[in-house]
Amino acid sequence: MVWNVPRTHRTRCGRLFIIQNLRILILRGNRYFLRRIIRSFNRLLKLSEKNSLNAIQEMSSGIEQNKLVISASKYDMFTAPGEDYYSEQYWQLIQDFMPDRDNKINLLDLGTGQGRMVQKFLENFPRVEIKCCDISEIAINNLKVNVAISGNQKIDAVVCGYASYIETINSSSIDIILFTEVSFYSPGWEKILLEIRRVLRPGGLFISSHRSRYFNAMALLSLGHIKAAAQILEKNTGRLFGTSNLQFSWNDSGSIRDLVEGAGFDVLKVAGLGVLSGIKGDPHEFLAEPGILSVDELQVLMKLEKQASEVVPDVGRYMIFVARKA
């Protein structure tokens, strides 16, 4: 596998090469008069070496972060117990804001995974056209197997990071943008909010979901990581669950609202996904585990969770935001 080296790294390496050769040329001249210049170049060389090392470290960190996302994509949202319940809960929490079923809509799904939300839109909009991306080739290949297209529906699914992919989308060309369960693995995600606003049509919808500070604290405490839980209160990014270089992102619903509104959106709804339930390993699994419940029990649980979702959004497995381009 060949990794593309960032342009900043190439530039720094080029500077290092030039400085080394200039030193050689200087040493061939008058040493007495140029001694101080040599010392200056030595200092500059050390600085360039340090910058180059930093660039390499940043690149390695990015590669490891990508590996984390790709590894997470092996978890199949279509077949894992309970995940069909949560995809339906997503839909029930956002469906009141959806356009008319007969409308032709353009959907952009950033970090689509295996396409469980894509499938929801295909089921509900006969004339939907979808663009979606994911950094994992495994996820995109699974999406192509999992989703069923018919009639006037179209899908363009590509292997690409969301930040790079959205730059290729025309301004004011998208009706709805999905960004669900992506920010948790992507510190700095808020940098693309202005790009999201750019590609949305006037009145277009931005639907996102984020991991909460409260949920991460519960997860760490339930695993016995009491001291590690302290960082959850102190910052919004960091290492979790014993990882070394990998970074995660979390926040409070109020802070996410401020970020989204500050980027030029009107927040229409904030709700928690799974505020009274969890999959195996979640801190809420002792309350209710959808994967082992009967159909009748799931219907009751869904009703309870929908009622509580806007009261305690930060308690949920994810916090869902529905916003409109102002």
C-alpha atoms as a PDB file:
ATOM      1  CA  MET A   1       0.000   0.000   0.000  1.00  0.00           C
ATOM      2  CA  VAL A   2       1.324   3.443  -0.934  1.00  0.00           C
ATOM      3  CA  TRP A   3       0.519   6.403   1.269  1.00  0.00           C
ATOM      4  CA  ASN A   4       0.355   9.867  -0.253  1.00  0.00           C
ATOM      5  CA  VAL A   5       2.659  12.251   1.596  1.00  0.00           C
ATOM      6  CA  PRO A   6       1.012  15.575   2.505  1.00  0.00           C
ATOM      7  CA  ARG A   7       2.172  18.624   0.569  1.00  0.00           C
ATOM      8  CA  THR A   8       3.383  20.317   3.771  1.00  0.00           C
ATOM      9  CA  HIS A   9       5.651  17.360   4.454  1.00  0.00           C
ATOM     10  CA  ARG A  10       7.097  17.448   0.901  1.00  0.00           C
ATOM     11  CA  THR A  11       7.779  21.163   1.268  1.00  0.00           C
ATOM     12  CA  ARG A  12       9.597  20.711   4.560  1.00  0.00           C
ATOM     13  CA  CYS A  13      11.713  17.859   3.175  1.00  0.00           C
ATOM     14  CA  GLY A  14      12.638  20.066   0.202  1.00  0.00           C
ATOM     15  CA  ARG A  15      13.774  22.830   2.506  1.00  0.00           C
ATOM     16  CA  LEU A  16      15.888  20.358   4.442  1.00  0.00           C
ATOM     17  CA  PHE A  17      17.643  19.242   1.230  1.00  0.00           C
ATOM     18  CA  ILE A  18      18.376  22.842   0.193  1.00  0.00           C
ATOM     19  CA  ILE A  19      19.774  23.763   3.597  1.00  0.00           C
ATOM     20  CA  GLN A  20      22.084  20.728   3.649  1.00  0.00           C
ATOM     21  CA  ASN A  21      23.513  21.578   0.225  1.00  0.00           C
ATOM     22  CA  LEU A  22      23.985  25.233   1.123  1.00  0.00           C
ATOM     23  CA  ARG A  23      26.025  24.149   4.109  1.00  0.00           C
ATOM     24  CA  ILE A  24      28.325  22.157   1.816  1.00  0.00           C
ATOM     25  CA  LEU A  25      28.813  25.158  -0.478  1.00  0.00           C
ATOM     26  CA  ILE A  26      29.558  27.431   2.436  1.00  0.00           C
ATOM     27  CA  LEU A  27      32.156  25.035   3.870  1.00  0.00           C
ATOM     28  CA  ARG A  28      34.017  25.223   0.559  1.00  0.00           C
ATOM     29  CA  GLY A  29      34.345  29.027   0.890  1.00  0.00           C
ATOM     30  CA  ASN A  30      36.165  31.224   3.368  1.00  0.00           C
ATOM     31  CA  ARG A  31      35.602  29.505   6.750  1.00  0.00           C
ATOM     32  CA  TYR A  32      36.811  32.460   8.792  1.00  0.00           C
ATOM     33  CA  PHE A  33      34.296  34.978   7.406  1.00  0.00           C
ATOM     34  CA  LEU A  34      31.395  32.565   7.076  1.00  0.00           C
ATOM     35  CA  ARG A  35      31.583  30.822  10.460  1.00  0.00           C
ATOM     36  CA  ARG A  36      28.672  32.759  11.928  1.00  0.00           C
ATOM     37  CA  ILE A  37      26.565  32.073   8.830  1.00  0.00           C
ATOM     38  CA  ILE A  38      27.221  28.356   9.239  1.00  0.00           C
ATOM     39  CA  ARG A  39      26.035  28.504  12.822  1.00  0.00           C
ATOM     40  CA  SER A  40      22.851  30.191  11.681  1.00  0.00           C
ATOM     41  CA  PHE A  41      22.246  27.521   9.087  1.00  0.00           C
ATOM     42  CA  ASN A  42      22.829  24.836  11.722  1.00  0.00           C
ATOM     43  CA  ARG A  43      20.090  26.337  13.859  1.00  0.00           C
ATOM     44  CA  LEU A  44      17.814  26.554  10.835  1.00  0.00           C
ATOM     45  CA  LEU A  45      18.594  22.931   9.934  1.00  0.00           C
ATOM     46  CA  LYS A  46      17.645  21.736  13.421  1.00  0.00           C
ATOM     47  CA  LEU A  47      14.375  23.650  13.187  1.00  0.00           C
ATOM     48  CA  SER A  48      13.622  22.122   9.783  1.00  0.00           C
ATOM     49  CA  GLU A  49      14.432  18.628  11.073  1.00  0.00           C
ATOM     50  CA  LYS A  50      12.045  19.200  13.971  1.00  0.00           C
ATOM     51  CA  ASN A  51       9.298  20.436  11.646  1.00  0.00           C
ATOM     52  CA  SER A  52       9.795  17.453   9.354  1.00  0.00           C
ATOM     53  CA  LEU A  53       9.570  15.075  12.301  1.00  0.00           C
ATOM     54  CA  ASN A  54       6.351  16.772  13.417  1.00  0.00           C
ATOM     55  CA  ALA A  55       4.935  16.406   9.904  1.00  0.00           C
ATOM     56  CA  ILE A  56       5.759  12.693   9.870  1.00  0.00           C
ATOM     57  CA  GLN A  57       4.183  12.227  13.304  1.00  0.00           C
ATOM     58  CA  GLU A  58       1.041  14.054  12.177  1.00  0.00           C
ATOM     59  CA  MET A  59       0.839  11.866   9.087  1.00  0.00           C
ATOM     60  CA  SER A  60       1.259   8.674  11.185  1.00  0.00           C
ATOM     61  CA  SER A  61      -1.440   9.841  13.571  1.00  0.00           C
ATOM     62  CA  GLY A  62      -3.787  10.441  10.625  1.00  0.00           C
ATOM     63  CA  ILE A  63      -3.051   6.976   9.245  1.00  0.00           C
ATOM     64  CA  GLU A  64      -3.782   5.364  12.624  1.00  0.00           C
ATOM     65  CA  GLN A  65      -7.018   7.362  12.928  1.00  0.00           C
ATOM     66  CA  ASN A  66      -8.088   6.135   9.497  1.00  0.00           C
ATOM     67  CA  LYS A  67      -7.328   2.563  10.541  1.00  0.00           C
ATOM     68  CA  LEU A  68      -9.604   3.041  13.540  1.00  0.00           C
ATOM     69  CA  VAL A  69     -12.497   4.133  11.326  1.00  0.00           C
ATOM     70  CA  ILE A  70     -11.893   1.285   8.871  1.00  0.00           C
ATOM     71  CA  SER A  71     -11.743  -1.213  11.735  1.00  0.00           C
ATOM     72  CA  ALA A  72     -15.002   0.137  13.168  1.00  0.00           C
ATOM     73  CA  SER A  73     -16.670  -0.310   9.776  1.00  0.00           C
ATOM     74  CA  LYS A  74     -16.345  -4.095  10.120  1.00  0.00           C
ATOM     75  CA  TYR A  75     -19.229  -3.915  12.560  1.00  0.00           C
ATOM     76  CA  ASP A  76     -22.242  -4.602  10.348  1.00  0.00           C
ATOM     77  CA  MET A  77     -25.096  -2.200  11.101  1.00  0.00           C
ATOM     78  CA  PHE A  78     -27.482  -4.321   9.011  1.00  0.00           C
ATOM     79  CA  THR A  79     -27.012  -7.642  10.790  1.00  0.00           C
ATOM     80  CA  ALA A  80     -25.864  -6.769  14.340  1.00  0.00           C
ATOM     81  CA  PRO A  81     -28.584  -7.439  16.964  1.00  0.00           C
ATOM     82  CA  GLY A  82     -30.609  -4.341  17.812  1.00  0.00           C
ATOM     83  CA  GLU A  83     -29.226  -2.081  15.074  1.00  0.00           C
ATOM     84  CA  ASP A  84     -32.380  -2.341  12.956  1.00  0.00           C
ATOM     85  CA  TYR A  85     -34.263  -0.958  15.957  1.00  0.00           C
ATOM     86  CA  TYR A  86     -31.937   2.048  16.148  1.00  0.00           C
ATOM     87  CA  SER A  87     -32.086   2.767  12.413  1.00  0.00           C
ATOM     88  CA  GLU A  88     -35.888   2.830  12.734  1.00  0.00           C
ATOM     89  CA  GLN A  89     -35.584   5.100  15.765  1.00  0.00           C
ATOM     90  CA  TYR A  90     -33.401   7.474  13.739  1.00  0.00           C
ATOM     91  CA  TRP A  91     -36.108   7.608  11.103  1.00  0.00           C
ATOM     92  CA  GLN A  92     -38.950   8.175  13.552  1.00  0.00           C
ATOM     93  CA  LEU A  93     -37.057  11.042  15.191  1.00  0.00           C
ATOM     94  CA  ILE A  94     -36.387  12.866  11.894  1.00  0.00           C
ATOM     95  CA  GLN A  95     -39.350  11.929   9.681  1.00  0.00           C
ATOM     96  CA  ASP A  96     -41.485  14.932  10.690  1.00  0.00           C
ATOM     97  CA  PHE A  97     -38.972  17.202   8.941  1.00  0.00           C
ATOM     98  CA  MET A  98     -38.776  15.224   5.717  1.00  0.00           C
ATOM     99  CA  PRO A  99     -40.159  16.633   2.433  1.00  0.00           C
ATOM    100  CA  ASP A 100     -43.116  15.092   0.643  1.00  0.00           C
ATOM    101  CA  ARG A 101     -42.564  11.486  -0.416  1.00  0.00           C
ATOM    102  CA  ASP A 102     -43.119  12.275  -4.103  1.00  0.00           C
ATOM    103  CA  ASN A 103     -40.469  15.017  -4.160  1.00  0.00           C
ATOM    104  CA  LYS A 104     -37.243  14.467  -6.026  1.00  0.00           C
ATOM    105  CA  ILE A 105     -34.511  14.962  -3.434  1.00  0.00           C
ATOM    106  CA  ASN A 106     -30.725  14.993  -3.497  1.00  0.00           C
ATOM    107  CA  LEU A 107     -29.162  13.379  -0.447  1.00  0.00           C
ATOM    108  CA  LEU A 108     -25.517  13.537   0.656  1.00  0.00           C
ATOM    109  CA  ASP A 109     -24.424  10.992   3.284  1.00  0.00           C
ATOM    110  CA  LEU A 110     -20.979  11.763   4.737  1.00  0.00           C
ATOM    111  CA  GLY A 111     -19.423   8.738   6.424  1.00  0.00           C
ATOM    112  CA  THR A 112     -22.228   6.467   5.281  1.00  0.00           C
ATOM    113  CA  GLY A 113     -20.884   3.167   6.659  1.00  0.00           C
ATOM    114  CA  GLN A 114     -22.789   0.195   5.256  1.00  0.00           C
ATOM    115  CA  GLY A 115     -25.649   2.479   4.230  1.00  0.00           C
ATOM    116  CA  ARG A 116     -28.368   1.805   6.787  1.00  0.00           C
ATOM    117  CA  MET A 117     -29.639   5.400   6.567  1.00  0.00           C
ATOM    118  CA  VAL A 118     -29.283   5.315   2.799  1.00  0.00           C
ATOM    119  CA  GLN A 119     -31.649   2.338   2.810  1.00  0.00           C
ATOM    120  CA  LYS A 120     -34.195   4.304   4.868  1.00  0.00           C
ATOM    121  CA  PHE A 121     -34.247   7.084   2.269  1.00  0.00           C
ATOM    122  CA  LEU A 122     -34.512   4.582  -0.585  1.00  0.00           C
ATOM    123  CA  GLU A 123     -37.536   3.018   1.132  1.00  0.00           C
ATOM    124  CA  ASN A 124     -39.259   6.377   1.622  1.00  0.00           C
ATOM    125  CA  PHE A 125     -38.366   8.414  -1.484  1.00  0.00           C
ATOM    126  CA  PRO A 126     -38.931   6.781  -4.906  1.00  0.00           C
ATOM    127  CA  ARG A 127     -37.082   9.637  -6.684  1.00  0.00           C
ATOM    128  CA  VAL A 128     -34.104  10.096  -4.386  1.00  0.00           C
ATOM    129  CA  GLU A 129     -30.605  10.647  -5.777  1.00  0.00           C
ATOM    130  CA  ILE A 130     -27.849   9.849  -3.303  1.00  0.00           C
ATOM    131  CA  LYS A 131     -24.176  10.738  -3.077  1.00  0.00           C
ATOM    132  CA  CYS A 132     -22.318   9.033  -0.239  1.00  0.00           C
ATOM    133  CA  CYS A 133     -18.790   8.381   0.892  1.00  0.00           C
ATOM    134  CA  ASP A 134     -16.851   6.456   3.494  1.00  0.00           C
ATOM    135  CA  ILE A 135     -13.143   6.052   4.115  1.00  0.00           C
ATOM    136  CA  SER A 136     -13.628   2.282   4.378  1.00  0.00           C
ATOM    137  CA  GLU A 137     -13.694   0.273   1.161  1.00  0.00           C
ATOM    138  CA  ILE A 138     -15.237  -2.597   3.147  1.00  0.00           C
ATOM    139  CA  ALA A 139     -18.144  -0.389   4.183  1.00  0.00           C
ATOM    140  CA  ILE A 140     -18.782   0.881   0.647  1.00  0.00           C
ATOM    141  CA  ASN A 141     -18.668  -2.643  -0.790  1.00  0.00           C
ATOM    142  CA  ASN A 142     -21.163  -3.788   1.855  1.00  0.00           C
ATOM    143  CA  LEU A 143     -23.392  -0.821   1.073  1.00  0.00           C
ATOM    144  CA  LYS A 144     -23.549  -1.856  -2.577  1.00  0.00           C
ATOM    145  CA  VAL A 145     -24.685  -5.316  -1.472  1.00  0.00           C
ATOM    146  CA  ASN A 146     -27.088  -4.176   1.253  1.00  0.00           C
ATOM    147  CA  VAL A 147     -29.124  -1.461  -0.443  1.00  0.00           C
ATOM    148  CA  ALA A 148     -31.710  -2.004  -3.154  1.00  0.00           C
ATOM    149  CA  ILE A 149     -32.258   0.603  -5.892  1.00  0.00           C
ATOM    150  CA  SER A 150     -35.343   0.825  -8.058  1.00  0.00           C
ATOM    151  CA  GLY A 151     -37.082   3.124 -10.529  1.00  0.00           C
ATOM    152  CA  ASN A 152     -35.633   6.635 -10.683  1.00  0.00           C
ATOM    153  CA  GLN A 153     -33.322   6.185  -7.695  1.00  0.00           C
ATOM    154  CA  LYS A 154     -29.599   6.730  -8.131  1.00  0.00           C
ATOM    155  CA  ILE A 155     -26.589   6.166  -5.866  1.00  0.00           C
ATOM    156  CA  ASP A 156     -23.012   7.325  -6.238  1.00  0.00           C
ATOM    157  CA  ALA A 157     -20.980   5.643  -3.471  1.00  0.00           C
ATOM    158  CA  VAL A 158     -17.237   6.329  -3.284  1.00  0.00           C
ATOM    159  CA  VAL A 159     -14.321   5.447  -1.014  1.00  0.00           C
ATOM    160  CA  CYS A 160     -13.191   8.829   0.274  1.00  0.00           C
ATOM    161  CA  GLY A 161     -12.861  10.871   3.454  1.00  0.00           C
ATOM    162  CA  TYR A 162     -15.835  13.133   4.101  1.00  0.00           C
ATOM    163  CA  ALA A 163     -13.788  16.355   4.254  1.00  0.00           C
ATOM    164  CA  SER A 164     -12.257  15.736   0.833  1.00  0.00           C
ATOM    165  CA  TYR A 165     -15.470  14.463  -0.729  1.00  0.00           C
ATOM    166  CA  ILE A 166     -17.650  17.414   0.195  1.00  0.00           C
ATOM    167  CA  GLU A 167     -15.221  19.755  -1.566  1.00  0.00           C
ATOM    168  CA  THR A 168     -16.196  18.086  -4.864  1.00  0.00           C
ATOM    169  CA  ILE A 169     -19.923  18.819  -4.396  1.00  0.00           C
ATOM    170  CA  ASN A 170     -21.451  21.834  -6.151  1.00  0.00           C
ATOM    171  CA  SER A 171     -22.751  24.720  -4.060  1.00  0.00           C
ATOM    172  CA  SER A 172     -26.498  24.799  -3.282  1.00  0.00           C
ATOM    173  CA  SER A 173     -27.049  21.385  -4.889  1.00  0.00           C
ATOM    174  CA  ILE A 174     -28.111  19.173  -1.961  1.00  0.00           C
ATOM    175  CA  ASP A 175     -31.459  18.963  -0.149  1.00  0.00           C
ATOM    176  CA  ILE A 176     -30.428  16.844   2.846  1.00  0.00           C
ATOM    177  CA  ILE A 177     -27.022  16.072   4.360  1.00  0.00           C
ATOM    178  CA  LEU A 178     -26.479  13.193   6.787  1.00  0.00           C
ATOM    179  CA  PHE A 179     -23.518  13.127   9.185  1.00  0.00           C
ATOM    180  CA  THR A 180     -24.453  10.406  11.650  1.00  0.00           C
ATOM    181  CA  GLU A 181     -22.140   8.674  14.118  1.00  0.00           C
ATOM    182  CA  VAL A 182     -19.061  10.107  12.399  1.00  0.00           C
ATOM    183  CA  SER A 183     -17.849  12.911  14.672  1.00  0.00           C
ATOM    184  CA  PHE A 184     -17.076  10.457  17.508  1.00  0.00           C
ATOM    185  CA  TYR A 185     -14.134   9.124  15.462  1.00  0.00           C
ATOM    186  CA  SER A 186     -13.209  12.486  13.969  1.00  0.00           C
ATOM    187  CA  PRO A 187     -11.954  15.287  16.261  1.00  0.00           C
ATOM    188  CA  GLY A 188     -12.105  18.601  14.412  1.00  0.00           C
ATOM    189  CA  TRP A 189     -15.235  17.598  12.497  1.00  0.00           C
ATOM    190  CA  GLU A 190     -16.762  21.057  13.095  1.00  0.00           C
ATOM    191  CA  LYS A 191     -14.371  22.513  10.503  1.00  0.00           C
ATOM    192  CA  ILE A 192     -16.625  21.253   7.699  1.00  0.00           C
ATOM    193  CA  LEU A 193     -19.798  22.955   8.937  1.00  0.00           C
ATOM    194  CA  LEU A 194     -19.320  25.888   6.551  1.00  0.00           C
ATOM    195  CA  GLU A 195     -18.780  23.465   3.659  1.00  0.00           C
ATOM    196  CA  ILE A 196     -21.976  21.666   4.636  1.00  0.00           C
ATOM    197  CA  ARG A 197     -23.812  24.972   4.557  1.00  0.00           C
ATOM    198  CA  ARG A 198     -22.263  25.820   1.177  1.00  0.00           C
ATOM    199  CA  VAL A 199     -23.513  22.699  -0.600  1.00  0.00           C
ATOM    200  CA  LEU A 200     -27.015  22.784   0.907  1.00  0.00           C
ATOM    201  CA  ARG A 201     -29.803  24.508  -0.945  1.00  0.00           C
ATOM    202  CA  PRO A 202     -31.654  27.329   0.861  1.00  0.00           C
ATOM    203  CA  GLY A 203     -33.828  25.653   3.464  1.00  0.00           C
ATOM    204  CA  GLY A 204     -31.888  22.382   3.151  1.00  0.00           C
ATOM    205  CA  LEU A 205     -31.615  20.017   6.123  1.00  0.00           C
ATOM    206  CA  PHE A 206     -28.498  18.983   8.029  1.00  0.00           C
ATOM    207  CA  ILE A 207     -28.977  15.856  10.153  1.00  0.00           C
ATOM    208  CA  SER A 208     -26.137  14.788  12.426  1.00  0.00           C
ATOM    209  CA  SER A 209     -25.517  12.673  15.507  1.00  0.00           C
ATOM    210  CA  HIS A 210     -22.780  12.990  18.117  1.00  0.00           C
ATOM    211  CA  ARG A 211     -21.478  11.132  21.150  1.00  0.00           C
ATOM    212  CA  SER A 212     -22.201  12.906  24.430  1.00  0.00           C
ATOM    213  CA  ARG A 213     -19.919  13.624  27.345  1.00  0.00           C
ATOM    214  CA  TYR A 214     -22.410  11.958  29.696  1.00  0.00           C
ATOM    215  CA  PHE A 215     -22.595   8.732  27.679  1.00  0.00           C
ATOM    216  CA  ASN A 216     -18.790   8.413  27.508  1.00  0.00           C
ATOM    217  CA  ALA A 217     -18.551   8.974  31.254  1.00  0.00           C
ATOM    218  CA  MET A 218     -21.104   6.208  31.839  1.00  0.00           C
ATOM    219  CA  ALA A 219     -19.250   3.866  29.481  1.00  0.00           C
ATOM    220  CA  LEU A 220     -15.911   4.428  31.220  1.00  0.00           C
ATOM    221  CA  LEU A 221     -17.388   4.071  34.701  1.00  0.00           C
ATOM    222  CA  SER A 222     -19.220   0.873  33.767  1.00  0.00           C
ATOM    223  CA  LEU A 223     -15.856  -0.595  32.660  1.00  0.00           C
ATOM    224  CA  GLY A 224     -14.169   0.433  35.894  1.00  0.00           C
ATOM    225  CA  HIS A 225     -12.093   3.262  34.361  1.00  0.00           C
ATOM    226  CA  ILE A 226     -12.961   5.763  37.072  1.00  0.00           C
ATOM    227  CA  LYS A 227      -9.791   7.873  36.817  1.00  0.00           C
ATOM    228  CA  ALA A 228      -9.932   7.892  33.022  1.00  0.00           C
ATOM    229  CA  ALA A 229     -13.454   9.318  33.233  1.00  0.00           C
ATOM    230  CA  ALA A 230     -12.007  12.568  34.622  1.00  0.00           C
ATOM    231  CA  GLN A 231     -10.793  13.672  31.172  1.00  0.00           C
ATOM    232  CA  ILE A 232     -14.375  13.545  29.912  1.00  0.00           C
ATOM    233  CA  LEU A 233     -15.159  16.568  32.070  1.00  0.00           C
ATOM    234  CA  GLU A 234     -11.993  18.498  31.219  1.00  0.00           C
ATOM    235  CA  LYS A 235     -12.037  18.455  27.400  1.00  0.00           C
ATOM    236  CA  ASN A 236     -13.956  17.405  24.291  1.00  0.00           C
ATOM    237  CA  THR A 237     -11.352  15.199  22.597  1.00  0.00           C
ATOM    238  CA  GLY A 238      -8.855  12.624  23.756  1.00  0.00           C
ATOM    239  CA  ARG A 239      -7.969   8.958  24.103  1.00  0.00           C
ATOM    240  CA  LEU A 240     -10.545   6.489  25.383  1.00  0.00           C
ATOM    241  CA  PHE A 241     -10.718   2.851  26.406  1.00  0.00           C
ATOM    242  CA  GLY A 242      -6.950   2.356  26.658  1.00  0.00           C
ATOM    243  CA  THR A 243      -6.049   3.534  23.141  1.00  0.00           C
ATOM    244  CA  SER A 244      -2.616   5.152  22.626  1.00  0.00           C
ATOM    245  CA  ASN A 245      -2.557   7.594  19.709  1.00  0.00           C
ATOM    246  CA  LEU A 246      -6.176   7.380  18.642  1.00  0.00           C
ATOM    247  CA  GLN A 247      -8.391  10.360  19.393  1.00  0.00           C
ATOM    248  CA  PHE A 248     -12.139  10.531  19.915  1.00  0.00           C
ATOM    249  CA  SER A 249     -14.594  13.427  20.074  1.00  0.00           C
ATOM    250  CA  TRP A 250     -17.500  14.125  22.441  1.00  0.00           C
ATOM    251  CA  ASN A 251     -19.523  17.116  23.592  1.00  0.00           C
ATOM    252  CA  ASP A 252     -22.683  18.409  25.264  1.00  0.00           C
ATOM    253  CA  SER A 253     -25.900  19.024  23.361  1.00  0.00           C
ATOM    254  CA  GLY A 254     -25.772  22.747  24.185  1.00  0.00           C
ATOM    255  CA  SER A 255     -22.267  23.104  22.747  1.00  0.00           C
ATOM    256  CA  ILE A 256     -23.199  21.258  19.552  1.00  0.00           C
ATOM    257  CA  ARG A 257     -26.204  23.541  19.174  1.00  0.00           C
ATOM    258  CA  ASP A 258     -23.947  26.599  19.502  1.00  0.00           C
ATOM    259  CA  LEU A 259     -21.548  25.248  16.856  1.00  0.00           C
ATOM    260  CA  VAL A 260     -24.328  24.449  14.377  1.00  0.00           C
ATOM    261  CA  GLU A 261     -26.156  27.751  14.897  1.00  0.00           C
ATOM    262  CA  GLY A 262     -22.867  29.638  14.662  1.00  0.00           C
ATOM    263  CA  ALA A 263     -22.318  28.133  11.206  1.00  0.00           C
ATOM    264  CA  GLY A 264     -25.602  29.583   9.929  1.00  0.00           C
ATOM    265  CA  PHE A 265     -28.224  26.944  10.742  1.00  0.00           C
ATOM    266  CA  ASP A 266     -31.510  26.998  12.636  1.00  0.00           C
ATOM    267  CA  VAL A 267     -31.634  23.998  14.977  1.00  0.00           C
ATOM    268  CA  LEU A 268     -35.077  22.388  14.708  1.00  0.00           C
ATOM    269  CA  LYS A 269     -34.687  19.395  16.991  1.00  0.00           C
ATOM    270  CA  VAL A 270     -32.271  17.854  19.499  1.00  0.00           C
ATOM    271  CA  ALA A 271     -33.003  14.308  20.649  1.00  0.00           C
ATOM    272  CA  GLY A 272     -31.243  11.332  22.176  1.00  0.00           C
ATOM    273  CA  LEU A 273     -30.981   7.989  20.403  1.00  0.00           C
ATOM    274  CA  GLY A 274     -31.306   5.066  22.804  1.00  0.00           C
ATOM    275  CA  VAL A 275     -31.882   7.023  26.008  1.00  0.00           C
ATOM    276  CA  LEU A 276     -33.346   3.942  27.745  1.00  0.00           C
ATOM    277  CA  SER A 277     -31.617   1.079  25.934  1.00  0.00           C
ATOM    278  CA  GLY A 278     -28.309  -0.179  24.603  1.00  0.00           C
ATOM    279  CA  ILE A 279     -26.595  -2.909  22.610  1.00  0.00           C
ATOM    280  CA  LYS A 280     -24.279  -5.440  24.244  1.00  0.00           C
ATOM    281  CA  GLY A 281     -21.490  -3.555  25.997  1.00  0.00           C
ATOM    282  CA  ASP A 282     -23.362  -0.254  26.335  1.00  0.00           C
ATOM    283  CA  PRO A 283     -23.885   1.154  29.832  1.00  0.00           C
ATOM    284  CA  HIS A 284     -27.645   1.108  29.134  1.00  0.00           C
ATOM    285  CA  GLU A 285     -27.887  -2.552  28.184  1.00  0.00           C
ATOM    286  CA  PHE A 286     -29.115  -3.447  31.691  1.00  0.00           C
ATOM    287  CA  LEU A 287     -32.190  -1.241  31.077  1.00  0.00           C
ATOM    288  CA  ALA A 288     -33.259  -2.756  27.777  1.00  0.00           C
ATOM    289  CA  GLU A 289     -31.415  -4.577  24.986  1.00  0.00           C
ATOM    290  CA  PRO A 290     -33.424  -4.309  21.731  1.00  0.00           C
ATOM    291  CA  GLY A 291     -31.740  -7.314  20.141  1.00  0.00           C
ATOM    292  CA  ILE A 292     -33.367  -9.727  22.606  1.00  0.00           C
ATOM    293  CA  LEU A 293     -36.841  -8.167  22.886  1.00  0.00           C
ATOM    294  CA  SER A 294     -40.065  -9.329  21.242  1.00  0.00           C
ATOM    295  CA  VAL A 295     -41.882  -7.232  18.637  1.00  0.00           C
ATOM    296  CA  ASP A 296     -44.467  -6.080  21.185  1.00  0.00           C
ATOM    297  CA  GLU A 297     -41.749  -5.141  23.680  1.00  0.00           C
ATOM    298  CA  LEU A 298     -39.865  -3.191  21.008  1.00  0.00           C
ATOM    299  CA  GLN A 299     -42.959  -1.156  20.211  1.00  0.00           C
ATOM    300  CA  VAL A 300     -43.367  -0.181  23.855  1.00  0.00           C
ATOM    301  CA  LEU A 301     -39.661   0.633  24.186  1.00  0.00           C
ATOM    302  CA  MET A 302     -39.761   2.794  21.059  1.00  0.00           C
ATOM    303  CA  LYS A 303     -42.672   4.783  22.442  1.00  0.00           C
ATOM    304  CA  LEU A 304     -40.901   5.308  25.774  1.00  0.00           C
ATOM    305  CA  GLU A 305     -37.646   6.359  24.151  1.00  0.00           C
ATOM    306  CA  LYS A 306     -39.266   8.779  21.733  1.00  0.00           C
ATOM    307  CA  GLN A 307     -41.067  10.465  24.611  1.00  0.00           C
ATOM    308  CA  ALA A 308     -37.859  10.806  26.647  1.00  0.00           C
ATOM    309  CA  SER A 309     -35.519  11.584  23.723  1.00  0.00           C
ATOM    310  CA  GLU A 310     -35.940  15.369  23.785  1.00  0.00           C
ATOM    311  CA  VAL A 311     -36.065  15.578  27.586  1.00  0.00           C
ATOM    312  CA  VAL A 312     -32.643  13.971  28.156  1.00  0.00           C
ATOM    313  CA  PRO A 313     -30.808  13.985  24.794  1.00  0.00           C
ATOM    314  CA  ASP A 314     -27.335  13.802  26.387  1.00  0.00           C
ATOM    315  CA  VAL A 315     -28.177  10.446  28.001  1.00  0.00           C
ATOM    316  CA  GLY A 316     -28.581   8.703  24.639  1.00  0.00           C
ATOM    317  CA  ARG A 317     -26.100   6.546  22.761  1.00  0.00           C
ATOM    318  CA  TYR A 318     -25.963   9.471  20.350  1.00  0.00           C
ATOM    319  CA  MET A 319     -27.430  12.976  20.293  1.00  0.00           C
ATOM    320  CA  ILE A 320     -29.382  13.686  17.085  1.00  0.00           C
ATOM    321  CA  PHE A 321     -29.595  17.182  15.591  1.00  0.00           C
ATOM    322  CA  VAL A 322     -31.916  18.331  12.842  1.00  0.00           C
ATOM    323  CA  ALA A 323     -31.010  21.780  11.480  1.00  0.00           C
ATOM    324  CA  ARG A 324     -32.081  23.920   8.528  1.00  0.00           C
ATOM    325  CA  LYS A 325     -29.867  26.199   6.472  1.00  0.00           C
ATOM    326  CA  ALA A 326     -30.838  29.710   7.495  1.00  0.00           C
END
